[in-house]
């Protein structure tokens, strides 16, 4: 099953809306995070927590 179809099913939206929303947020994340960190997360899922902590709104309170 294609990724955006699964994403759409998970959030109760169409795969087109899932695709559009994903790319909307990807553009924002690319402007906030260094490219090297995004590439690292793409290659290694376990580095997701590192990327999340780098976001101003991603840190635990």
Protein backbone atom coordinates (compact mmCIF):
# COMPACT_ATOMS: atom_id res chain seq x y z
CA UNK A 1 0.00 0.00 0.00
CA UNK A 2 1.52 3.39 -0.94
CA UNK A 3 2.72 5.62 1.91
CA UNK A 4 0.29 8.50 1.38
CA UNK A 5 -2.64 6.12 1.18
CA UNK A 6 -1.66 4.69 4.59
CA UNK A 7 -1.13 8.18 5.98
CA UNK A 8 -4.56 9.21 4.68
CA UNK A 9 -6.23 6.19 6.24
CA UNK A 10 -4.48 6.82 9.54
CA UNK A 11 -5.65 10.44 9.75
CA UNK A 12 -8.99 10.00 7.97
CA UNK A 13 -8.07 12.13 4.95
CA UNK A 14 -7.54 11.48 1.25
CA UNK A 15 -4.13 10.39 0.00
CA UNK A 16 -3.96 13.65 -1.97
CA UNK A 17 -4.51 15.70 1.18
CA UNK A 18 -1.97 13.52 3.03
CA UNK A 19 0.57 14.18 0.27
CA UNK A 20 -0.11 17.92 0.24
CA UNK A 21 0.11 18.16 4.04
CA UNK A 22 3.33 16.13 4.15
CA UNK A 23 5.02 18.35 1.60
CA UNK A 24 3.75 21.49 3.34
CA UNK A 25 5.41 20.43 6.60
CA UNK A 26 8.51 19.12 4.86
CA UNK A 27 9.12 22.59 3.42
CA UNK A 28 8.83 24.11 6.92
CA UNK A 29 11.11 21.48 8.49
CA UNK A 30 13.73 22.00 5.79
CA UNK A 31 13.79 25.71 6.62
CA UNK A 32 14.25 25.00 10.37
CA UNK A 33 16.54 21.96 10.47
CA UNK A 34 19.94 21.57 8.83
CA UNK A 35 19.84 19.37 5.73
CA UNK A 36 22.35 16.97 7.24
CA UNK A 37 20.01 16.25 10.17
CA UNK A 38 17.06 15.55 7.85
CA UNK A 39 19.20 13.19 5.77
CA UNK A 40 20.37 11.43 8.93
CA UNK A 41 16.76 10.84 10.06
CA UNK A 42 15.82 9.53 6.59
CA UNK A 43 18.60 6.93 6.85
CA UNK A 44 18.19 6.04 10.52
CA UNK A 45 14.74 6.12 12.17
CA UNK A 46 16.32 5.93 15.62
CA UNK A 47 17.69 9.47 15.12
CA UNK A 48 14.15 10.88 15.06
CA UNK A 49 14.44 11.92 18.73
CA UNK A 50 17.56 13.96 17.94
CA UNK A 51 15.75 15.81 15.17
CA UNK A 52 12.71 16.37 17.36
CA UNK A 53 14.81 17.89 20.13
CA UNK A 54 16.34 20.31 17.60
CA UNK A 55 12.92 21.82 16.90
CA UNK A 56 11.91 24.76 19.07
CA UNK A 57 8.50 23.18 19.71
CA UNK A 58 9.72 19.56 19.91
CA UNK A 59 11.29 19.56 23.34
CA UNK A 60 9.59 18.01 26.35
CA UNK A 61 8.45 20.40 29.05
